[in-house]
Amino acid sequence: MSGSGRKSGSVRAIGRALHFPFTGTARGIRKATHAHGAGESGLGKLIELHGVNGAGDVMITVALASTVFFSVPTDEARGRVALYLAITMAPFTVLAPVIGPLLDRLPHGRRAAMAGAMLARALLALVLSGAVATGSIEMYPAALGVLVSSKAYGVVRSAVVPRLLPPGFSLVKANSRVTLGGLLATGVAAPVGAGLQALGPRYPLYGAFLIFVAGTFLSFSLPRKVDSAKGEDVALLAADEQHLHGPHRQQQKRPGLRTVGIAVTHALGANAALRWLSGFLTFFLAFLLREHPLTGQSAAVSLGMVAVSAGLGNALGTAVGAWLRSRAPEVIIVTVVAVVLGATVTAAAFFGAFLVACLAAVAGFSQALAKLSLDALIQRDVPELVRTSAFARSETMLQVCWVFGGAVGIVMPLNGALGLSVAAVVLALGWATTVRGLLSSARHGGGAKPRVA
């Protein structure tokens, strides 16, 4: 009996040893995401859900990149990606202005909306798994569904964060945690997706299916309070009710009950320029580096280096934004746009491998930090009853700007200096049209305390 007991004890010990890396890692992740009251408020659940979202999206990206991008000559690839952009993103651009108002009218279904976005992508991943193997035209409408579902999730997620703030948490800190969670999950899932891709183009999509199914159930684990619309109204992305078609040029003493104020409108304009740059660099550099890889590297390695640089810059910008804790957001936005403009001009003038990687990192850093500064301004200046709507609508606008940037990146000639010069001009326009209003707001100490109706 004693020998049998020792044997069974040894088996249990081996089982625990094999099981611990998974359970220990899961407990570590749960402890990190639920720290400082995030577990009690529900923010920890949202961080985990956003990680699942990022992991599933990168799996689909890996599968589609190999099919649409790397599998054919460059000229044909540009045509395929242009067709993909036209079929998928053009309809989204038309639908995007409707998404924010629609969610404003259906505030009680946020958990269901997030779950629906996850389930739709799970089912579409299965459709894509068959289409990528045969090259079927079904790939394009399925990809449209994936894109629209992903963007809809992003809009709803922006609206949910204000409902899940732990005591003493700012929106900047909460959004930085959510963003970092998504970046970490993407970084882990990308090599896994590449490994599955080596087995065949269907396997990353099977992985995406499983991930999004898990996300569907995780969406309903969010607290019920995210579905509550008590005390909310619809935001108007304007400085005041008399100037709804552009930033107001004069300093306003304080925003109205439904408008967002001059600082937010100018900050949104600056962020739009940065998001345009992100979309532009994504597509322009993808084709440019495929045709002209970085010195001594293959096209795939060159793209990987630039993608890693952008990801590290984004993570660093998110971390710095959380550390700054909403200090002088107008000045931060003006500064980071000026820095990325300088980096773009330098890369255009002295085009080379090192400067391209540096530009990707600076652009990722600037976009993350500027977005967190915009979040800080929305929290500071926007009345509470329309704050959730303001987050959803501003995120929709920024995603549309990314689409336009990507479209320009595809049609540009594959000339590094020319392409980055065009990007510098767009950034300069975005900076010049917003810098005065942002600095004016900073000099006046920002908007008055937002009123709550």
Protein backbone atom coordinates (compact mmCIF):
# COMPACT_ATOMS: atom_id res chain seq x y z
CA MET A 1 0.00 0.00 0.00
CA SER A 2 2.79 2.39 0.89
CA GLY A 3 4.48 1.71 -2.46
CA SER A 4 1.21 2.32 -4.27
CA GLY A 5 0.67 5.51 -2.30
CA ARG A 6 4.14 6.78 -3.15
CA LYS A 7 3.55 6.01 -6.82
CA SER A 8 0.21 7.86 -6.90
CA GLY A 9 1.82 10.75 -5.01
CA SER A 10 4.59 10.91 -7.60
CA VAL A 11 2.05 10.93 -10.42
CA ARG A 12 0.16 13.81 -8.77
CA ALA A 13 3.41 15.71 -8.27
CA ILE A 14 4.33 15.29 -11.93
CA GLY A 15 0.82 16.36 -12.93
CA ARG A 16 1.08 19.48 -10.78
CA ALA A 17 4.51 20.26 -12.23
CA LEU A 18 3.18 19.99 -15.77
CA HIS A 19 0.03 21.90 -14.91
CA PHE A 20 1.72 24.74 -12.99
CA PRO A 21 3.18 26.69 -15.96
CA PHE A 22 -0.34 27.14 -17.31
CA THR A 23 -2.21 27.72 -14.06
CA GLY A 24 0.63 29.81 -12.64
CA THR A 25 0.73 31.99 -15.74
CA ALA A 26 -3.05 32.37 -15.71
CA ARG A 27 -3.00 33.38 -12.04
CA GLY A 28 -0.20 35.86 -12.73
CA ILE A 29 -2.13 37.45 -15.59
CA ARG A 30 -5.30 37.61 -13.51
CA LYS A 31 -3.39 39.22 -10.61
CA ALA A 32 -1.91 41.88 -12.91
CA THR A 33 -5.14 42.73 -14.71
CA HIS A 34 -7.20 42.84 -11.50
CA ALA A 35 -4.76 44.96 -9.44
CA HIS A 36 -5.64 48.29 -7.77
CA GLY A 37 -9.38 47.71 -7.74
CA ALA A 38 -9.66 46.74 -11.42
CA GLY A 39 -11.01 43.33 -10.44
CA GLU A 40 -13.82 44.76 -8.34
CA SER A 41 -14.83 47.42 -10.89
CA GLY A 42 -14.78 45.06 -13.87
CA LEU A 43 -11.89 46.82 -15.64
CA GLY A 44 -9.77 43.69 -15.28
CA LYS A 45 -12.32 41.70 -17.29
CA LEU A 46 -12.22 44.34 -20.02
CA ILE A 47 -8.40 44.22 -20.14
CA GLU A 48 -8.56 40.46 -20.61
CA LEU A 49 -11.28 40.80 -23.25
CA HIS A 50 -9.20 43.35 -25.15
CA GLY A 51 -6.25 40.98 -25.03
CA VAL A 52 -8.43 38.25 -26.55
CA ASN A 53 -9.56 40.71 -29.22
CA GLY A 54 -5.99 41.62 -30.15
CA ALA A 55 -4.86 37.99 -30.26
CA GLY A 56 -7.74 36.97 -32.55
CA ASP A 57 -7.24 39.92 -34.90
CA VAL A 58 -3.53 39.22 -35.33
CA MET A 59 -4.27 35.59 -36.19
CA ILE A 60 -6.57 36.72 -39.02
CA THR A 61 -4.01 39.31 -40.13
CA VAL A 62 -1.28 36.67 -40.40
CA ALA A 63 -3.52 34.42 -42.51
CA LEU A 64 -4.70 37.19 -44.85
CA ALA A 65 -1.20 38.69 -45.23
CA SER A 66 0.19 35.42 -46.53
CA THR A 67 -2.71 35.01 -48.96
CA VAL A 68 -3.26 38.56 -50.22
CA PHE A 69 0.23 40.02 -49.82
CA PHE A 70 3.16 37.61 -49.90
CA SER A 71 1.84 34.93 -52.25
CA VAL A 72 1.91 37.00 -55.48
CA PRO A 73 4.24 39.51 -57.24
CA THR A 74 4.33 43.06 -55.89
CA ASP A 75 2.22 44.67 -58.63
CA GLU A 76 -0.46 42.00 -58.31
CA ALA A 77 -0.26 42.26 -54.51
CA ARG A 78 -0.92 46.00 -54.69
CA GLY A 79 -3.98 45.32 -56.83
CA ARG A 80 -5.22 42.66 -54.43
CA VAL A 81 -4.71 44.81 -51.37
CA ALA A 82 -6.31 47.78 -53.11
CA LEU A 83 -9.30 45.56 -53.93
CA TYR A 84 -9.36 44.35 -50.33
CA LEU A 85 -9.28 47.94 -49.08
CA ALA A 86 -12.00 49.01 -51.51
CA ILE A 87 -14.32 46.10 -50.73
CA THR A 88 -13.78 46.13 -46.97
CA MET A 89 -12.77 49.59 -45.81
CA ALA A 90 -14.75 51.73 -48.24
CA PRO A 91 -18.09 50.39 -46.96
CA PHE A 92 -16.82 50.82 -43.42
CA THR A 93 -15.99 54.45 -44.16
CA VAL A 94 -19.60 54.93 -45.24
CA LEU A 95 -20.95 53.02 -42.24
CA ALA A 96 -18.60 54.52 -39.64
CA PRO A 97 -20.51 57.79 -39.13
CA VAL A 98 -23.59 55.67 -38.40
CA ILE A 99 -21.93 53.33 -35.87
CA GLY A 100 -21.48 55.95 -33.14
CA PRO A 101 -25.03 57.34 -33.30
CA LEU A 102 -26.44 53.81 -33.54
CA LEU A 103 -24.66 52.78 -30.36
CA ASP A 104 -25.89 55.97 -28.71
CA ARG A 105 -29.44 54.81 -29.46
CA LEU A 106 -28.79 51.25 -28.26
CA PRO A 107 -26.82 51.84 -25.04
CA HIS A 108 -28.37 48.90 -23.18
CA GLY A 109 -26.76 46.31 -25.41
CA ARG A 110 -23.05 47.00 -25.01
CA ARG A 111 -22.14 43.56 -23.69
CA ALA A 112 -24.29 41.95 -26.36
CA ALA A 113 -22.70 44.18 -29.01
CA MET A 114 -19.19 43.16 -27.94
CA ALA A 115 -20.18 39.50 -27.82
CA GLY A 116 -21.79 39.82 -31.24
CA ALA A 117 -18.61 41.35 -32.67
CA MET A 118 -16.62 38.43 -31.27
CA LEU A 119 -19.05 35.75 -32.48
CA ALA A 120 -19.26 37.29 -35.95
CA ARG A 121 -15.48 37.17 -36.32
CA ALA A 122 -15.40 33.58 -35.03
CA LEU A 123 -17.85 32.46 -37.72
CA LEU A 124 -16.19 34.55 -40.42
CA ALA A 125 -12.81 33.05 -39.51
CA LEU A 126 -14.27 29.65 -40.46
CA VAL A 127 -15.52 31.08 -43.77
CA LEU A 128 -12.08 32.56 -44.43
CA SER A 129 -10.38 29.25 -43.62
CA GLY A 130 -12.03 27.77 -46.67
CA ALA A 131 -11.60 30.85 -48.86
CA VAL A 132 -7.85 31.33 -48.31
CA ALA A 133 -7.11 27.76 -49.39
CA THR A 134 -9.03 28.11 -52.68
CA GLY A 135 -8.63 31.83 -53.37
CA SER A 136 -12.42 32.13 -53.48
CA ILE A 137 -14.06 35.54 -53.86
CA GLU A 138 -15.81 34.77 -50.54
CA MET A 139 -12.62 35.99 -48.88
CA TYR A 140 -13.46 39.64 -49.55
CA PRO A 141 -17.00 39.88 -48.11
CA ALA A 142 -15.84 37.75 -45.16
CA ALA A 143 -12.93 40.13 -44.63
CA LEU A 144 -15.40 43.04 -44.75
CA GLY A 145 -17.39 41.43 -41.97
CA VAL A 146 -14.25 40.88 -39.91
CA LEU A 147 -13.17 44.50 -40.31
CA VAL A 148 -16.56 46.01 -39.51
CA SER A 149 -16.92 43.72 -36.48
CA SER A 150 -13.44 44.65 -35.26
CA LYS A 151 -14.10 48.38 -35.63
CA ALA A 152 -17.52 48.07 -33.97
CA TYR A 153 -15.87 46.32 -31.04
CA GLY A 154 -13.35 49.17 -30.78
CA VAL A 155 -16.09 51.79 -30.68
CA VAL A 156 -18.06 49.92 -28.01
CA ARG A 157 -14.92 49.28 -25.97
CA SER A 158 -14.20 53.03 -25.92
CA ALA A 159 -17.72 53.65 -24.62
CA VAL A 160 -17.44 50.96 -21.94
CA VAL A 161 -14.21 52.11 -20.23
CA PRO A 162 -15.75 55.12 -18.40
CA ARG A 163 -18.28 52.76 -16.78
CA LEU A 164 -15.56 50.53 -15.29
CA LEU A 165 -13.23 53.01 -13.59
CA PRO A 166 -11.99 51.85 -10.16
CA PRO A 167 -11.99 54.46 -7.36
CA GLY A 168 -9.22 56.99 -7.91
CA PHE A 169 -8.56 55.84 -11.49
CA SER A 170 -8.34 58.32 -14.35
CA LEU A 171 -9.52 57.46 -17.84
CA VAL A 172 -5.93 57.82 -19.06
CA LYS A 173 -4.69 55.21 -16.62
CA ALA A 174 -7.56 52.85 -17.41
CA ASN A 175 -7.15 53.20 -21.18
CA SER A 176 -3.39 52.74 -20.93
CA ARG A 177 -3.91 49.46 -19.06
CA VAL A 178 -6.41 48.24 -21.62
CA THR A 179 -4.11 49.21 -24.50
CA LEU A 180 -1.06 47.57 -22.94
CA GLY A 181 -3.07 44.40 -22.37
CA GLY A 182 -3.97 44.32 -26.05
CA LEU A 183 -0.38 44.98 -27.14
CA LEU A 184 1.01 42.21 -24.93
CA ALA A 185 -1.56 39.73 -26.21
CA THR A 186 -0.79 40.71 -29.81
CA GLY A 187 2.93 40.26 -29.19
CA VAL A 188 2.34 36.76 -27.83
CA ALA A 189 -0.17 35.74 -30.51
CA ALA A 190 1.85 36.97 -33.52
CA PRO A 191 4.60 34.30 -33.34
CA VAL A 192 1.99 31.65 -32.50
CA GLY A 193 0.07 32.69 -35.62
CA ALA A 194 3.27 32.53 -37.68
CA GLY A 195 3.89 29.01 -36.38
CA LEU A 196 0.36 27.94 -37.29
CA GLN A 197 0.80 29.54 -40.70
CA ALA A 198 3.76 27.23 -41.32
CA LEU A 199 1.33 24.30 -40.98
CA GLY A 200 -1.03 25.79 -43.55
CA PRO A 201 -3.03 28.97 -44.25
CA ARG A 202 -6.13 27.61 -42.53
CA TYR A 203 -4.60 27.01 -39.12
CA PRO A 204 -4.25 30.64 -37.92
CA LEU A 205 -7.93 31.06 -38.78
CA TYR A 206 -8.85 27.99 -36.75
CA GLY A 207 -6.93 29.58 -33.89
CA ALA A 208 -8.82 32.85 -34.41
CA PHE A 209 -12.11 30.94 -34.29
CA LEU A 210 -11.29 29.45 -30.88
CA ILE A 211 -10.05 32.78 -29.52
CA PHE A 212 -13.13 34.70 -30.61
CA VAL A 213 -15.48 32.03 -29.24
CA ALA A 214 -13.77 32.51 -25.87
CA GLY A 215 -14.17 36.27 -26.29
CA THR A 216 -17.90 35.85 -26.92
CA PHE A 217 -18.39 34.26 -23.51
CA LEU A 218 -15.94 36.64 -21.81
CA SER A 219 -17.98 39.64 -23.07
CA PHE A 220 -20.92 38.59 -20.92
CA SER A 221 -18.66 38.35 -17.87
CA LEU A 222 -18.42 42.16 -17.82
CA PRO A 223 -20.52 43.83 -15.11
CA ARG A 224 -24.12 44.64 -15.97
CA LYS A 225 -23.47 48.32 -15.28
CA VAL A 226 -21.78 48.72 -18.68
CA ASP A 227 -25.24 48.31 -20.22
CA SER A 228 -26.71 51.10 -18.13
CA ALA A 229 -27.36 54.40 -19.89
CA LYS A 230 -28.43 56.25 -16.76
CA GLY A 231 -27.29 59.86 -16.90
CA GLU A 232 -26.02 59.66 -20.50
CA ASP A 233 -26.76 61.75 -23.56
CA VAL A 234 -25.41 62.04 -27.12
CA ALA A 235 -22.20 64.05 -27.65
CA LEU A 236 -21.66 66.62 -30.41
CA LEU A 237 -18.04 66.70 -31.60
CA ALA A 238 -17.92 70.50 -31.76
CA ALA A 239 -16.74 73.39 -29.64
CA ASP A 240 -20.26 74.80 -29.27
CA GLU A 241 -23.73 74.45 -30.76
CA GLN A 242 -23.24 77.42 -33.12
CA HIS A 243 -20.12 75.94 -34.77
CA LEU A 244 -20.83 72.28 -35.48
CA HIS A 245 -18.81 72.07 -38.70
CA GLY A 246 -15.28 72.65 -37.48
CA PRO A 247 -13.13 73.80 -34.54
CA HIS A 248 -14.13 77.15 -33.13
CA ARG A 249 -11.42 79.77 -33.50
CA GLN A 250 -12.14 81.70 -30.32
CA GLN A 251 -11.56 80.61 -26.77
CA GLN A 252 -14.78 79.47 -25.10
CA LYS A 253 -15.25 79.92 -21.39
CA ARG A 254 -16.77 76.50 -21.00
CA PRO A 255 -18.42 73.86 -23.18
CA GLY A 256 -22.15 73.42 -23.47
CA LEU A 257 -24.02 70.50 -22.05
CA ARG A 258 -23.61 68.32 -25.15
CA THR A 259 -20.57 69.80 -26.91
CA VAL A 260 -16.97 68.80 -26.19
CA GLY A 261 -15.19 72.15 -26.15
CA ILE A 262 -12.42 73.74 -28.19
CA ALA A 263 -9.51 71.82 -26.63
CA VAL A 264 -11.09 68.46 -27.45
CA THR A 265 -11.94 69.42 -31.05
CA HIS A 266 -8.37 70.55 -31.75
CA ALA A 267 -6.90 67.52 -29.95
CA LEU A 268 -9.14 65.30 -32.07
CA GLY A 269 -7.86 67.02 -35.22
CA ALA A 270 -4.24 66.42 -34.22
CA ASN A 271 -4.98 62.78 -33.38
CA ALA A 272 -6.71 62.39 -36.74
CA ALA A 273 -3.47 63.42 -38.49
CA LEU A 274 -1.49 60.89 -36.45
CA ARG A 275 -4.00 58.12 -37.12
CA TRP A 276 -3.87 58.97 -40.83
CA LEU A 277 -0.08 58.60 -40.66
CA SER A 278 -0.45 55.20 -39.00
CA GLY A 279 -2.68 53.90 -41.79
CA PHE A 280 -0.41 55.42 -44.44
CA LEU A 281 2.78 53.90 -43.04
CA THR A 282 1.13 50.49 -42.59
CA PHE A 283 0.41 50.09 -46.30
CA PHE A 284 3.08 52.27 -47.88
CA LEU A 285 5.98 50.69 -45.98
CA ALA A 286 4.53 47.20 -46.47
CA PHE A 287 4.84 47.52 -50.26
CA LEU A 288 7.98 49.65 -50.23
CA LEU A 289 9.92 47.23 -48.03
CA ARG A 290 8.70 44.26 -50.01
CA GLU A 291 10.14 45.80 -53.17
CA HIS A 292 13.17 47.41 -51.50
CA PRO A 293 13.97 45.54 -48.25
CA LEU A 294 16.17 47.00 -45.54
CA THR A 295 19.89 46.56 -46.22
CA GLY A 296 20.92 42.93 -45.96
CA GLN A 297 17.46 41.69 -44.93
CA SER A 298 14.61 39.88 -46.62
CA ALA A 299 11.26 41.55 -47.19
CA ALA A 300 9.60 39.55 -44.38
CA VAL A 301 12.39 40.38 -41.91
CA SER A 302 12.32 44.05 -42.93
CA LEU A 303 8.58 44.27 -42.34
CA GLY A 304 8.97 42.43 -39.06
CA MET A 305 11.62 44.89 -37.85
CA VAL A 306 9.44 47.89 -38.68
CA ALA A 307 6.38 46.27 -37.09
CA VAL A 308 8.31 45.50 -33.90
CA SER A 309 9.64 49.07 -33.80
CA ALA A 310 6.12 50.46 -34.13
CA GLY A 311 4.82 48.08 -31.45
CA LEU A 312 7.59 48.97 -29.01
CA GLY A 313 7.00 52.67 -29.64
CA ASN A 314 3.28 52.24 -29.04
CA ALA A 315 3.90 50.35 -25.79
CA LEU A 316 6.39 52.97 -24.60
CA GLY A 317 3.99 55.80 -25.45
CA THR A 318 1.22 54.07 -23.52
CA ALA A 319 3.49 53.59 -20.50
CA VAL A 320 4.69 57.21 -20.58
CA GLY A 321 1.10 58.43 -20.91
CA ALA A 322 0.11 56.50 -17.79
CA TRP A 323 3.14 57.87 -15.92
CA LEU A 324 2.43 61.50 -16.90
CA ARG A 325 -1.12 61.17 -15.50
CA SER A 326 -2.89 63.77 -17.66
CA ARG A 327 -0.34 66.54 -17.11
CA ALA A 328 -0.61 69.35 -19.70
CA PRO A 329 -2.35 67.22 -22.36
CA GLU A 330 -2.52 70.09 -24.88
CA VAL A 331 1.23 70.66 -24.68
CA ILE A 332 1.90 66.93 -24.99
CA ILE A 333 -0.18 66.66 -28.17
CA VAL A 334 1.48 69.70 -29.77
CA THR A 335 4.91 68.34 -28.85
CA VAL A 336 4.47 64.78 -30.07
CA VAL A 337 2.97 65.87 -33.40
CA ALA A 338 5.93 68.22 -33.89
CA VAL A 339 8.35 65.40 -33.01
CA VAL A 340 6.82 62.90 -35.42
CA LEU A 341 6.68 65.61 -38.10
CA GLY A 342 10.41 66.19 -37.62
CA ALA A 343 11.07 62.45 -37.78
CA THR A 344 9.04 62.16 -40.99
CA VAL A 345 10.87 65.06 -42.65
CA THR A 346 14.23 63.60 -41.61
CA ALA A 347 13.33 60.13 -42.92
CA ALA A 348 12.15 61.65 -46.21
CA ALA A 349 15.35 63.69 -46.64
CA PHE A 350 17.80 60.94 -45.63
CA PHE A 351 15.82 57.82 -46.47
CA GLY A 352 17.40 54.68 -45.05
CA ALA A 353 16.81 51.52 -43.06
CA PHE A 354 17.65 52.97 -39.64
CA LEU A 355 15.54 56.10 -40.12
CA VAL A 356 12.54 54.09 -41.35
CA ALA A 357 12.66 51.92 -38.21
CA CYS A 358 13.05 55.04 -36.06
CA LEU A 359 10.07 56.70 -37.79
CA ALA A 360 7.90 53.65 -37.12
CA ALA A 361 8.86 53.74 -33.43
CA VAL A 362 8.32 57.51 -33.12
CA ALA A 363 4.95 57.29 -34.92
CA GLY A 364 3.80 54.48 -32.62
CA PHE A 365 4.97 56.38 -29.53
CA SER A 366 3.34 59.63 -30.63
CA GLN A 367 0.02 58.06 -31.58
CA ALA A 368 -0.30 56.29 -28.22
CA LEU A 369 0.67 59.34 -26.15
CA ALA A 370 -1.51 61.74 -28.14
CA LYS A 371 -4.53 59.42 -27.85
CA LEU A 372 -4.13 59.19 -24.07
CA SER A 373 -3.85 62.99 -23.93
CA LEU A 374 -7.10 63.24 -25.91
CA ASP A 375 -8.67 60.88 -23.37
CA ALA A 376 -7.48 63.18 -20.59
CA LEU A 377 -9.04 66.21 -22.27
CA ILE A 378 -12.35 64.39 -22.76
CA GLN A 379 -12.38 63.49 -19.08
CA ARG A 380 -11.48 67.05 -18.08
CA ASP A 381 -13.66 69.12 -20.42
CA VAL A 382 -16.59 66.99 -21.55
CA PRO A 383 -19.72 66.92 -19.37
CA GLU A 384 -20.24 63.56 -17.72
CA LEU A 385 -23.62 62.92 -19.32
CA VAL A 386 -22.08 62.84 -22.84
CA ARG A 387 -18.59 61.55 -22.00
CA THR A 388 -19.30 57.95 -22.98
CA SER A 389 -20.78 59.06 -26.31
CA ALA A 390 -17.79 61.35 -26.93
CA PHE A 391 -15.39 58.42 -26.56
CA ALA A 392 -17.36 56.28 -29.00
CA ARG A 393 -17.75 58.98 -31.64
CA SER A 394 -14.15 60.21 -31.45
CA GLU A 395 -12.86 56.64 -31.84
CA THR A 396 -15.06 56.16 -34.90
CA MET A 397 -13.63 59.30 -36.48
CA LEU A 398 -10.05 58.23 -35.82
CA GLN A 399 -10.65 54.83 -37.39
CA VAL A 400 -11.99 56.49 -40.54
CA CYS A 401 -8.80 58.58 -40.72
CA TRP A 402 -6.73 55.38 -40.55
CA VAL A 403 -8.70 54.04 -43.52
CA PHE A 404 -8.00 57.15 -45.60
CA GLY A 405 -4.30 57.00 -44.70
CA GLY A 406 -4.16 53.37 -45.79
CA ALA A 407 -5.82 54.19 -49.12
CA VAL A 408 -3.24 56.89 -49.87
CA GLY A 409 -0.44 54.52 -48.87
CA ILE A 410 -1.56 51.96 -51.46
CA VAL A 411 -1.77 54.33 -54.44
CA MET A 412 1.51 56.16 -53.76
CA PRO A 413 4.48 55.35 -56.04
CA LEU A 414 7.05 53.15 -54.28
CA ASN A 415 9.48 55.99 -53.71
CA GLY A 416 10.46 56.37 -50.07
CA ALA A 417 11.39 60.05 -50.18
CA LEU A 418 8.27 61.01 -52.13
CA GLY A 419 5.89 59.00 -49.95
CA LEU A 420 7.26 60.31 -46.68
CA SER A 421 7.25 63.86 -48.06
CA VAL A 422 3.51 63.55 -48.71
CA ALA A 423 3.05 62.20 -45.17
CA ALA A 424 5.02 65.16 -43.80
CA VAL A 425 2.75 67.61 -45.63
CA VAL A 426 -0.40 66.01 -44.16
CA LEU A 427 1.11 66.04 -40.66
CA ALA A 428 2.19 69.67 -41.06
CA LEU A 429 -1.38 70.64 -42.01
CA GLY A 430 -2.76 68.76 -39.01
CA TRP A 431 -0.26 70.40 -36.68
CA ALA A 432 -0.66 73.93 -38.09
CA THR A 433 -4.45 73.89 -37.85
CA THR A 434 -4.54 72.70 -34.25
CA VAL A 435 -1.45 74.08 -32.50
CA ARG A 436 -2.87 77.56 -31.89
CA GLY A 437 -6.12 76.31 -30.37
CA LEU A 438 -4.34 73.76 -28.16
CA LEU A 439 -1.75 76.20 -26.85
CA SER A 440 -4.49 78.80 -26.26
CA SER A 441 -6.41 76.25 -24.22
CA ALA A 442 -3.27 75.38 -22.25
CA ARG A 443 -2.56 79.06 -21.50
CA HIS A 444 -6.08 79.56 -20.21
CA GLY A 445 -5.74 76.55 -17.92
CA GLY A 446 -8.09 74.35 -19.96
CA GLY A 447 -11.83 74.36 -19.94
CA ALA A 448 -13.92 74.96 -16.90
CA LYS A 449 -15.07 72.03 -14.87
CA PRO A 450 -17.63 70.24 -17.03
CA ARG A 451 -21.19 70.58 -15.89
CA VAL A 452 -23.28 67.56 -15.10
CA ALA A 453 -26.95 67.66 -15.96
